[in-house]
Full PDB file with SEQRES, HELIX, SHEET, SSBOND, CRYST1, ORIGX, SCALE, CONECT and MASTER records, all heavy atoms in Angstrom:
SEQRES   1 A   32  LEU SER ALA ASP PHE LEU GLY VAL LEU GLY GLY THR HIS          
SEQRES   2 A   32  LYS ILE THR PRO THR LEU ASP SER LEU ALA ASN ASN SER          
SEQRES   3 A   32  LEU PHE PHE GLU ASN LEU                                      
HELIX    1 AA1 ALA A    3  PHE A    5  5                                   3    
HELIX    2 AA2 GLY A    7  LEU A    9  5                                   3    
HELIX    3 AA3 PRO A   17  ALA A   23  1                                   7    
CRYST1    1.000    1.000    1.000  90.00  90.00  90.00 P 1           1          
ORIGX1      1.000000  0.000000  0.000000        0.00000                         
ORIGX2      0.000000  1.000000  0.000000        0.00000                         
ORIGX3      0.000000  0.000000  1.000000        0.00000                         
SCALE1      1.000000  0.000000  0.000000        0.00000                         
SCALE2      0.000000  1.000000  0.000000        0.00000                         
SCALE3      0.000000  0.000000  1.000000        0.00000                         
ATOM      1  N   LEU A   1      -8.447 -32.146  68.470  1.00  0.00           N  
ATOM      2  CA  LEU A   1      -8.319 -30.982  67.587  1.00  0.00           C  
ATOM      3  C   LEU A   1      -8.907 -29.749  68.276  1.00  0.00           C  
ATOM      4  O   LEU A   1     -10.118 -29.508  68.236  1.00  0.00           O  
ATOM      5  CB  LEU A   1      -9.032 -31.242  66.255  1.00  0.00           C  
ATOM      6  CG  LEU A   1      -8.864 -30.144  65.198  1.00  0.00           C  
ATOM      7  CD1 LEU A   1      -7.420 -30.100  64.698  1.00  0.00           C  
ATOM      8  CD2 LEU A   1      -9.829 -30.361  64.031  1.00  0.00           C  
ATOM      9  N   SER A   2      -8.062 -28.966  68.887  1.00  0.00           N  
ATOM     10  CA  SER A   2      -8.502 -27.734  69.544  1.00  0.00           C  
ATOM     11  C   SER A   2      -8.863 -26.687  68.507  1.00  0.00           C  
ATOM     12  O   SER A   2      -8.288 -26.637  67.410  1.00  0.00           O  
ATOM     13  CB  SER A   2      -7.395 -27.191  70.451  1.00  0.00           C  
ATOM     14  OG  SER A   2      -7.014 -28.139  71.420  1.00  0.00           O  
ATOM     15  N   ALA A   3      -9.783 -25.796  68.868  1.00  0.00           N  
ATOM     16  CA  ALA A   3     -10.203 -24.747  67.943  1.00  0.00           C  
ATOM     17  C   ALA A   3      -9.042 -23.849  67.549  1.00  0.00           C  
ATOM     18  O   ALA A   3      -8.933 -23.426  66.389  1.00  0.00           O  
ATOM     19  CB  ALA A   3     -11.326 -23.919  68.578  1.00  0.00           C  
ATOM     20  N   ASP A   4      -8.143 -23.570  68.504  1.00  0.00           N  
ATOM     21  CA  ASP A   4      -7.082 -22.609  68.205  1.00  0.00           C  
ATOM     22  C   ASP A   4      -5.965 -23.180  67.338  1.00  0.00           C  
ATOM     23  O   ASP A   4      -4.987 -22.490  67.047  1.00  0.00           O  
ATOM     24  CB  ASP A   4      -6.507 -22.003  69.489  1.00  0.00           C  
ATOM     25  CG  ASP A   4      -5.934 -23.034  70.442  1.00  0.00           C  
ATOM     26  OD1 ASP A   4      -5.807 -24.211  70.049  1.00  0.00           O  
ATOM     27  OD2 ASP A   4      -5.616 -22.657  71.590  1.00  0.00           O  
ATOM     28  N   PHE A   5      -6.091 -24.438  66.895  1.00  0.00           N  
ATOM     29  CA  PHE A   5      -5.168 -24.945  65.883  1.00  0.00           C  
ATOM     30  C   PHE A   5      -5.527 -24.390  64.497  1.00  0.00           C  
ATOM     31  O   PHE A   5      -4.663 -24.279  63.631  1.00  0.00           O  
ATOM     32  CB  PHE A   5      -5.209 -26.473  65.819  1.00  0.00           C  
ATOM     33  CG  PHE A   5      -4.576 -27.161  66.992  1.00  0.00           C  
ATOM     34  CD1 PHE A   5      -5.046 -28.388  67.428  1.00  0.00           C  
ATOM     35  CD2 PHE A   5      -3.502 -26.595  67.661  1.00  0.00           C  
ATOM     36  CE1 PHE A   5      -4.468 -29.040  68.507  1.00  0.00           C  
ATOM     37  CE2 PHE A   5      -2.909 -27.225  68.743  1.00  0.00           C  
ATOM     38  CZ  PHE A   5      -3.402 -28.451  69.167  1.00  0.00           C  
ATOM     39  N   LEU A   6      -6.805 -24.062  64.274  1.00  0.00           N  
ATOM     40  CA  LEU A   6      -7.264 -23.620  62.959  1.00  0.00           C  
ATOM     41  C   LEU A   6      -6.957 -22.148  62.747  1.00  0.00           C  
ATOM     42  O   LEU A   6      -7.203 -21.319  63.634  1.00  0.00           O  
ATOM     43  CB  LEU A   6      -8.771 -23.857  62.808  1.00  0.00           C  
ATOM     44  CG  LEU A   6      -9.203 -25.246  62.313  1.00  0.00           C  
ATOM     45  CD1 LEU A   6      -8.859 -26.327  63.335  1.00  0.00           C  
ATOM     46  CD2 LEU A   6     -10.688 -25.262  61.999  1.00  0.00           C  
ATOM     47  N   GLY A   7      -6.466 -21.833  61.569  1.00  0.00           N  
ATOM     48  CA  GLY A   7      -6.196 -20.437  61.246  1.00  0.00           C  
ATOM     49  C   GLY A   7      -7.450 -19.586  61.277  1.00  0.00           C  
ATOM     50  O   GLY A   7      -7.416 -18.430  61.716  1.00  0.00           O  
ATOM     51  N   VAL A   8      -8.588 -20.146  60.845  1.00  0.00           N  
ATOM     52  CA  VAL A   8      -9.835 -19.375  60.817  1.00  0.00           C  
ATOM     53  C   VAL A   8     -10.348 -19.075  62.216  1.00  0.00           C  
ATOM     54  O   VAL A   8     -11.241 -18.237  62.393  1.00  0.00           O  
ATOM     55  CB  VAL A   8     -10.933 -20.115  60.017  1.00  0.00           C  
ATOM     56  CG1 VAL A   8     -10.592 -20.131  58.544  1.00  0.00           C  
ATOM     57  CG2 VAL A   8     -11.152 -21.523  60.561  1.00  0.00           C  
ATOM     58  N   LEU A   9      -9.794 -19.741  63.221  1.00  0.00           N  
ATOM     59  CA  LEU A   9     -10.200 -19.477  64.607  1.00  0.00           C  
ATOM     60  C   LEU A   9      -9.056 -18.873  65.418  1.00  0.00           C  
ATOM     61  O   LEU A   9      -9.028 -18.953  66.644  1.00  0.00           O  
ATOM     62  CB  LEU A   9     -10.693 -20.764  65.271  1.00  0.00           C  
ATOM     63  CG  LEU A   9     -12.026 -21.303  64.729  1.00  0.00           C  
ATOM     64  CD1 LEU A   9     -12.368 -22.643  65.363  1.00  0.00           C  
ATOM     65  CD2 LEU A   9     -13.151 -20.297  64.967  1.00  0.00           C  
ATOM     66  N   GLY A  10      -8.105 -18.262  64.709  1.00  0.00           N  
ATOM     67  CA  GLY A  10      -7.052 -17.520  65.386  1.00  0.00           C  
ATOM     68  C   GLY A  10      -5.722 -18.213  65.499  1.00  0.00           C  
ATOM     69  O   GLY A  10      -4.766 -17.641  66.037  1.00  0.00           O  
ATOM     70  N   GLY A  11      -5.610 -19.457  65.024  1.00  0.00           N  
ATOM     71  CA  GLY A  11      -4.336 -20.158  65.079  1.00  0.00           C  
ATOM     72  C   GLY A  11      -3.290 -19.491  64.213  1.00  0.00           C  
ATOM     73  O   GLY A  11      -3.586 -19.010  63.116  1.00  0.00           O  
ATOM     74  N   THR A  12      -2.056 -19.462  64.680  1.00  0.00           N  
ATOM     75  CA  THR A  12      -0.982 -18.743  63.976  1.00  0.00           C  
ATOM     76  C   THR A  12       0.089 -19.664  63.402  1.00  0.00           C  
ATOM     77  O   THR A  12       1.059 -19.187  62.824  1.00  0.00           O  
ATOM     78  CB  THR A  12      -0.311 -17.745  64.936  1.00  0.00           C  
ATOM     79  OG1 THR A  12       0.222 -18.463  66.070  1.00  0.00           O  
ATOM     80  CG2 THR A  12      -1.316 -16.702  65.432  1.00  0.00           C  
ATOM     81  N   HIS A  13      -0.067 -20.980  63.541  1.00  0.00           N  
ATOM     82  CA  HIS A  13       1.002 -21.899  63.143  1.00  0.00           C  
ATOM     83  C   HIS A  13       0.882 -22.388  61.700  1.00  0.00           C  
ATOM     84  O   HIS A  13       1.757 -23.120  61.229  1.00  0.00           O  
ATOM     85  CB  HIS A  13       1.027 -23.098  64.095  1.00  0.00           C  
ATOM     86  CG  HIS A  13       1.393 -22.728  65.501  1.00  0.00           C  
ATOM     87  ND1 HIS A  13       2.690 -22.529  65.909  1.00  0.00           N  
ATOM     88  CD2 HIS A  13       0.608 -22.498  66.594  1.00  0.00           C  
ATOM     89  CE1 HIS A  13       2.702 -22.208  67.198  1.00  0.00           C  
ATOM     90  NE2 HIS A  13       1.455 -22.181  67.634  1.00  0.00           N  
ATOM     91  N   LYS A  14      -0.189 -22.041  61.029  1.00  0.00           N  
ATOM     92  CA  LYS A  14      -0.385 -22.390  59.623  1.00  0.00           C  
ATOM     93  C   LYS A  14      -0.260 -23.907  59.395  1.00  0.00           C  
ATOM     94  O   LYS A  14       0.491 -24.364  58.530  1.00  0.00           O  
ATOM     95  CB  LYS A  14       0.603 -21.636  58.737  1.00  0.00           C  
ATOM     96  CG  LYS A  14       0.440 -20.123  58.822  1.00  0.00           C  
ATOM     97  CD  LYS A  14       1.422 -19.385  57.916  1.00  0.00           C  
ATOM     98  CE  LYS A  14       1.224 -17.881  58.009  1.00  0.00           C  
ATOM     99  NZ  LYS A  14       2.171 -17.124  57.156  1.00  0.00           N  
ATOM    100  N   ILE A  15      -1.022 -24.658  60.186  1.00  0.00           N  
ATOM    101  CA  ILE A  15      -0.931 -26.122  60.115  1.00  0.00           C  
ATOM    102  C   ILE A  15      -2.243 -26.768  59.686  1.00  0.00           C  
ATOM    103  O   ILE A  15      -2.327 -28.004  59.612  1.00  0.00           O  
ATOM    104  CB  ILE A  15      -0.498 -26.709  61.483  1.00  0.00           C  
ATOM    105  CG1 ILE A  15      -1.371 -26.169  62.613  1.00  0.00           C  
ATOM    106  CG2 ILE A  15       0.969 -26.413  61.754  1.00  0.00           C  
ATOM    107  CD1 ILE A  15      -1.046 -26.737  63.985  1.00  0.00           C  
ATOM    108  N   THR A  16      -3.266 -25.967  59.357  1.00  0.00           N  
ATOM    109  CA  THR A  16      -4.560 -26.557  58.972  1.00  0.00           C  
ATOM    110  C   THR A  16      -5.104 -25.944  57.677  1.00  0.00           C  
ATOM    111  O   THR A  16      -6.252 -25.487  57.630  1.00  0.00           O  
ATOM    112  CB  THR A  16      -5.596 -26.364  60.097  1.00  0.00           C  
ATOM    113  OG1 THR A  16      -5.731 -24.957  60.376  1.00  0.00           O  
ATOM    114  CG2 THR A  16      -5.187 -27.096  61.365  1.00  0.00           C  
ATOM    115  N   PRO A  17      -4.339 -25.951  56.593  1.00  0.00           N  
ATOM    116  CA  PRO A  17      -4.848 -25.338  55.356  1.00  0.00           C  
ATOM    117  C   PRO A  17      -6.113 -26.027  54.827  1.00  0.00           C  
ATOM    118  O   PRO A  17      -7.009 -25.358  54.308  1.00  0.00           O  
ATOM    119  CB  PRO A  17      -3.676 -25.493  54.372  1.00  0.00           C  
ATOM    120  CG  PRO A  17      -2.840 -26.610  54.934  1.00  0.00           C  
ATOM    121  CD  PRO A  17      -2.972 -26.479  56.420  1.00  0.00           C  
ATOM    122  N   THR A  18      -6.206 -27.350  54.976  1.00  0.00           N  
ATOM    123  CA  THR A  18      -7.395 -28.056  54.495  1.00  0.00           C  
ATOM    124  C   THR A  18      -8.626 -27.661  55.284  1.00  0.00           C  
ATOM    125  O   THR A  18      -9.666 -27.304  54.712  1.00  0.00           O  
ATOM    126  CB  THR A  18      -7.191 -29.582  54.596  1.00  0.00           C  
ATOM    127  OG1 THR A  18      -6.107 -29.965  53.747  1.00  0.00           O  
ATOM    128  CG2 THR A  18      -8.448 -30.323  54.177  1.00  0.00           C  
ATOM    129  N   LEU A  19      -8.538 -27.729  56.588  1.00  0.00           N  
ATOM    130  CA  LEU A  19      -9.686 -27.397  57.429  1.00  0.00           C  
ATOM    131  C   LEU A  19     -10.070 -25.927  57.309  1.00  0.00           C  
ATOM    132  O   LEU A  19     -11.258 -25.587  57.328  1.00  0.00           O  
ATOM    133  CB  LEU A  19      -9.391 -27.754  58.887  1.00  0.00           C  
ATOM    134  CG  LEU A  19      -9.273 -29.254  59.178  1.00  0.00           C  
ATOM    135  CD1 LEU A  19      -8.773 -29.491  60.594  1.00  0.00           C  
ATOM    136  CD2 LEU A  19     -10.604 -29.954  58.958  1.00  0.00           C  
ATOM    137  N   ASP A  20      -9.075 -25.051  57.143  1.00  0.00           N  
ATOM    138  CA  ASP A  20      -9.382 -23.625  56.945  1.00  0.00           C  
ATOM    139  C   ASP A  20     -10.152 -23.420  55.647  1.00  0.00           C  
ATOM    140  O   ASP A  20     -11.104 -22.632  55.588  1.00  0.00           O  
ATOM    141  CB  ASP A  20      -8.088 -22.800  56.919  1.00  0.00           C  
ATOM    142  CG  ASP A  20      -7.421 -22.718  58.287  1.00  0.00           C  
ATOM    143  OD1 ASP A  20      -8.124 -22.935  59.294  1.00  0.00           O  
ATOM    144  OD2 ASP A  20      -6.216 -22.453  58.340  1.00  0.00           O  
ATOM    145  N   SER A  21      -9.753 -24.147  54.600  1.00  0.00           N  
ATOM    146  CA  SER A  21     -10.462 -24.048  53.322  1.00  0.00           C  
ATOM    147  C   SER A  21     -11.877 -24.604  53.436  1.00  0.00           C  
ATOM    148  O   SER A  21     -12.840 -24.002  52.951  1.00  0.00           O  
ATOM    149  CB  SER A  21      -9.683 -24.796  52.239  1.00  0.00           C  
ATOM    150  OG  SER A  21     -10.397 -24.811  51.020  1.00  0.00           O  
ATOM    151  N   LEU A  22     -12.014 -25.766  54.080  1.00  0.00           N  
ATOM    152  CA  LEU A  22     -13.343 -26.354  54.257  1.00  0.00           C  
ATOM    153  C   LEU A  22     -14.244 -25.447  55.089  1.00  0.00           C  
ATOM    154  O   LEU A  22     -15.443 -25.325  54.816  1.00  0.00           O  
ATOM    155  CB  LEU A  22     -13.228 -27.726  54.931  1.00  0.00           C  
ATOM    156  CG  LEU A  22     -12.637 -28.866  54.093  1.00  0.00           C  
ATOM    157  CD1 LEU A  22     -12.444 -30.111  54.950  1.00  0.00           C  
ATOM    158  CD2 LEU A  22     -13.534 -29.180  52.902  1.00  0.00           C  
ATOM    159  N   ALA A  23     -13.672 -24.796  56.088  1.00  0.00           N  
ATOM    160  CA  ALA A  23     -14.463 -23.902  56.945  1.00  0.00           C  
ATOM    161  C   ALA A  23     -15.079 -22.767  56.149  1.00  0.00           C  
ATOM    162  O   ALA A  23     -16.178 -22.285  56.483  1.00  0.00           O  
ATOM    163  CB  ALA A  23     -13.592 -23.351  58.071  1.00  0.00           C  
ATOM    164  N   ASN A  24     -14.396 -22.349  55.112  1.00  0.00           N  
ATOM    165  CA  ASN A  24     -14.898 -21.252  54.283  1.00  0.00           C  
ATOM    166  C   ASN A  24     -15.868 -21.734  53.200  1.00  0.00           C  
ATOM    167  O   ASN A  24     -16.423 -20.909  52.466  1.00  0.00           O  
ATOM    168  CB  ASN A  24     -13.723 -20.510  53.637  1.00  0.00           C  
ATOM    169  CG  ASN A  24     -12.917 -19.719  54.640  1.00  0.00           C  
ATOM    170  OD1 ASN A  24     -13.475 -19.077  55.532  1.00  0.00           O  
ATOM    171  ND2 ASN A  24     -11.591 -19.767  54.518  1.00  0.00           N  
ATOM    172  N   ASN A  25     -16.049 -23.045  53.106  1.00  0.00           N  
ATOM    173  CA  ASN A  25     -16.934 -23.590  52.068  1.00  0.00           C  
ATOM    174  C   ASN A  25     -17.908 -24.613  52.651  1.00  0.00           C  
ATOM    175  O   ASN A  25     -18.253 -25.596  51.996  1.00  0.00           O  
ATOM    176  CB  ASN A  25     -16.081 -24.239  50.967  1.00  0.00           C  
ATOM    177  CG  ASN A  25     -15.237 -23.237  50.212  1.00  0.00           C  
ATOM    178  OD1 ASN A  25     -15.725 -22.558  49.314  1.00  0.00           O  
ATOM    179  ND2 ASN A  25     -13.959 -23.131  50.584  1.00  0.00           N  
ATOM    180  N   SER A  26     -18.363 -24.362  53.870  1.00  0.00           N  
ATOM    181  CA  SER A  26     -19.214 -25.321  54.581  1.00  0.00           C  
ATOM    182  C   SER A  26     -20.099 -24.578  55.567  1.00  0.00           C  
ATOM    183  O   SER A  26     -20.026 -23.344  55.697  1.00  0.00           O  
ATOM    184  CB  SER A  26     -18.334 -26.316  55.372  1.00  0.00           C  
ATOM    185  OG  SER A  26     -17.354 -26.909  54.570  1.00  0.00           O  
ATOM    186  N   LEU A  27     -20.916 -25.340  56.269  1.00  0.00           N  
ATOM    187  CA  LEU A  27     -21.488 -24.829  57.511  1.00  0.00           C  
ATOM    188  C   LEU A  27     -20.403 -24.992  58.562  1.00  0.00           C  
ATOM    189  O   LEU A  27     -19.974 -26.110  58.870  1.00  0.00           O  
ATOM    190  CB  LEU A  27     -22.724 -25.633  57.919  1.00  0.00           C  
ATOM    191  CG  LEU A  27     -24.015 -25.421  57.131  1.00  0.00           C  
ATOM    192  CD1 LEU A  27     -25.140 -26.252  57.741  1.00  0.00           C  
ATOM    193  CD2 LEU A  27     -24.413 -23.954  57.096  1.00  0.00           C  
ATOM    194  N   PHE A  28     -19.918 -23.884  59.087  1.00  0.00           N  
ATOM    195  CA  PHE A  28     -18.797 -23.915  60.028  1.00  0.00           C  
ATOM    196  C   PHE A  28     -19.250 -23.325  61.351  1.00  0.00           C  
ATOM    197  O   PHE A  28     -19.687 -22.176  61.418  1.00  0.00           O  
ATOM    198  CB  PHE A  28     -17.607 -23.136  59.467  1.00  0.00           C  
ATOM    199  CG  PHE A  28     -16.424 -23.088  60.395  1.00  0.00           C  
ATOM    200  CD1 PHE A  28     -15.871 -24.258  60.887  1.00  0.00           C  
ATOM    201  CD2 PHE A  28     -15.855 -21.874  60.764  1.00  0.00           C  
ATOM    202  CE1 PHE A  28     -14.779 -24.220  61.739  1.00  0.00           C  
ATOM    203  CE2 PHE A  28     -14.769 -21.823  61.606  1.00  0.00           C  
ATOM    204  CZ  PHE A  28     -14.222 -23.001  62.094  1.00  0.00           C  
ATOM    205  N   PHE A  29     -19.130 -24.117  62.415  1.00  0.00           N  
ATOM    206  CA  PHE A  29     -19.586 -23.703  63.738  1.00  0.00           C  
ATOM    207  C   PHE A  29     -18.391 -23.165  64.521  1.00  0.00           C  
ATOM    208  O   PHE A  29     -17.506 -23.915  64.930  1.00  0.00           O  
ATOM    209  CB  PHE A  29     -20.252 -24.884  64.445  1.00  0.00           C  
ATOM    210  CG  PHE A  29     -21.424 -25.425  63.671  1.00  0.00           C  
ATOM    211  CD1 PHE A  29     -21.259 -26.489  62.786  1.00  0.00           C  
ATOM    212  CD2 PHE A  29     -22.682 -24.862  63.789  1.00  0.00           C  
ATOM    213  CE1 PHE A  29     -22.323 -26.983  62.051  1.00  0.00           C  
ATOM    214  CE2 PHE A  29     -23.764 -25.344  63.065  1.00  0.00           C  
ATOM    215  CZ  PHE A  29     -23.577 -26.407  62.186  1.00  0.00           C  
ATOM    216  N   GLU A  30     -18.386 -21.858  64.713  1.00  0.00           N  
ATOM    217  CA  GLU A  30     -17.226 -21.177  65.288  1.00  0.00           C  
ATOM    218  C   GLU A  30     -17.216 -21.182  66.815  1.00  0.00           C  
ATOM    219  O   GLU A  30     -16.173 -20.938  67.422  1.00  0.00           O  
ATOM    220  CB  GLU A  30     -17.201 -19.714  64.835  1.00  0.00           C  
ATOM    221  CG  GLU A  30     -17.118 -19.506  63.343  1.00  0.00           C  
ATOM    222  CD  GLU A  30     -17.153 -18.035  62.978  1.00  0.00           C  
ATOM    223  OE1 GLU A  30     -18.074 -17.313  63.438  1.00  0.00           O  
ATOM    224  OE2 GLU A  30     -16.247 -17.590  62.251  1.00  0.00           O  
ATOM    225  N   ASN A  31     -18.358 -21.431  67.432  1.00  0.00           N  
ATOM    226  CA  ASN A  31     -18.487 -21.225  68.875  1.00  0.00           C  
ATOM    227  C   ASN A  31     -19.057 -22.475  69.538  1.00  0.00           C  
ATOM    228  O   ASN A  31     -19.990 -22.409  70.326  1.00  0.00           O  
ATOM    229  CB  ASN A  31     -19.395 -20.015  69.137  1.00  0.00           C  
ATOM    230  CG  ASN A  31     -19.199 -19.426  70.515  1.00  0.00           C  
ATOM    231  OD1 ASN A  31     -18.190 -19.676  71.182  1.00  0.00           O  
ATOM    232  ND2 ASN A  31     -20.165 -18.645  70.955  1.00  0.00           N  
ATOM    233  N   LEU A  32     -18.448 -23.607  69.229  1.00  0.00           N  
ATOM    234  CA  LEU A  32     -18.938 -24.913  69.671  1.00  0.00           C  
ATOM    235  C   LEU A  32     -18.020 -25.461  70.768  1.00  0.00           C  
ATOM    236  O   LEU A  32     -16.798 -25.291  70.701  1.00  0.00           O  
ATOM    237  CB  LEU A  32     -18.964 -25.879  68.488  1.00  0.00           C  
ATOM    238  CG  LEU A  32     -19.739 -27.172  68.698  1.00  0.00           C  
ATOM    239  CD1 LEU A  32     -21.225 -26.944  68.387  1.00  0.00           C  
ATOM    240  CD2 LEU A  32     -19.191 -28.279  67.801  1.00  0.00           C  
TER     241      LEU A  32                                                      
MASTER        0    0    0    3    0    0    0    6  240    1    0    3          
END                                                                             
């Protein structure tokens, strides 16, 4: 799972709605 698959990390394919939602409601590490 590359970071750039996630919309919250710049992904444009709209394929991770669950992870994007969790990222906004969790401790989310953006630079790991």
